[in-house]
Amino acid sequence: MQKMAQQGGFLEDWTKANELSKARITAQKDAEAIFGRPIK
């Protein structure tokens, strides 16, 4: 996917979106650990 983004000229946007996705997953896991239940 990264190579396709680079070839398409939107690598910077792809990278930002990927980082946001990872941050959301981390925040969700942290919230589940704190509250003890899955967050929807």
C-alpha atoms as a PDB file:
ATOM      1  CA  MET A   1       0.000   0.000   0.000  1.00  0.00           C
ATOM      2  CA  GLN A   2       2.783   2.414   0.858  1.00  0.00           C
ATOM      3  CA  LYS A   3       4.393   1.906  -2.526  1.00  0.00           C
ATOM      4  CA  MET A   4       1.063   2.558  -4.266  1.00  0.00           C
ATOM      5  CA  ALA A   5       0.621   5.764  -2.237  1.00  0.00           C
ATOM      6  CA  GLN A   6       4.114   6.871  -3.177  1.00  0.00           C
ATOM      7  CA  GLN A   7       3.525   6.153  -6.842  1.00  0.00           C
ATOM      8  CA  GLY A   8       0.170   7.948  -6.716  1.00  0.00           C
ATOM      9  CA  GLY A   9       1.718  11.022  -5.132  1.00  0.00           C
ATOM     10  CA  PHE A  10      -0.213  10.877  -1.867  1.00  0.00           C
ATOM     11  CA  LEU A  11       2.332   9.233   0.419  1.00  0.00           C
ATOM     12  CA  GLU A  12       2.137  12.045   2.990  1.00  0.00           C
ATOM     13  CA  ASP A  13      -1.654  11.721   3.303  1.00  0.00           C
ATOM     14  CA  TRP A  14      -1.417   7.926   3.483  1.00  0.00           C
ATOM     15  CA  THR A  15       1.205   8.171   6.228  1.00  0.00           C
ATOM     16  CA  LYS A  16      -0.932  10.572   8.282  1.00  0.00           C
ATOM     17  CA  ALA A  17      -3.989   8.338   7.913  1.00  0.00           C
ATOM     18  CA  ASN A  18      -1.972   5.286   8.931  1.00  0.00           C
ATOM     19  CA  GLU A  19      -0.664   7.070  12.029  1.00  0.00           C
ATOM     20  CA  LEU A  20      -4.195   8.183  12.984  1.00  0.00           C
ATOM     21  CA  SER A  21      -5.450   4.637  12.625  1.00  0.00           C
ATOM     22  CA  LYS A  22      -2.715   3.309  14.891  1.00  0.00           C
ATOM     23  CA  ALA A  23      -3.443   6.046  17.448  1.00  0.00           C
ATOM     24  CA  ARG A  24      -7.153   5.166  17.450  1.00  0.00           C
ATOM     25  CA  ILE A  25      -6.407   1.486  18.043  1.00  0.00           C
ATOM     26  CA  THR A  26      -4.053   2.370  20.895  1.00  0.00           C
ATOM     27  CA  ALA A  27      -6.625   4.713  22.461  1.00  0.00           C
ATOM     28  CA  GLN A  28      -9.325   2.045  22.177  1.00  0.00           C
ATOM     29  CA  LYS A  29      -7.141  -0.589  23.831  1.00  0.00           C
ATOM     30  CA  ASP A  30      -6.237   1.860  26.613  1.00  0.00           C
ATOM     31  CA  ALA A  31      -9.902   2.718  27.198  1.00  0.00           C
ATOM     32  CA  GLU A  32     -10.823  -0.963  27.321  1.00  0.00           C
ATOM     33  CA  ALA A  33      -8.056  -1.573  29.849  1.00  0.00           C
ATOM     34  CA  ILE A  34      -9.280   1.319  32.025  1.00  0.00           C
ATOM     35  CA  PHE A  35     -13.015   0.661  31.806  1.00  0.00           C
ATOM     36  CA  GLY A  36     -12.800  -3.106  31.489  1.00  0.00           C
ATOM     37  CA  ARG A  37     -15.148  -3.468  28.540  1.00  0.00           C
ATOM     38  CA  PRO A  38     -14.970  -3.034  24.785  1.00  0.00           C
ATOM     39  CA  ILE A  39     -15.642   0.500  23.563  1.00  0.00           C
ATOM     40  CA  LYS A  40     -17.853   0.817  20.506  1.00  0.00           C
END
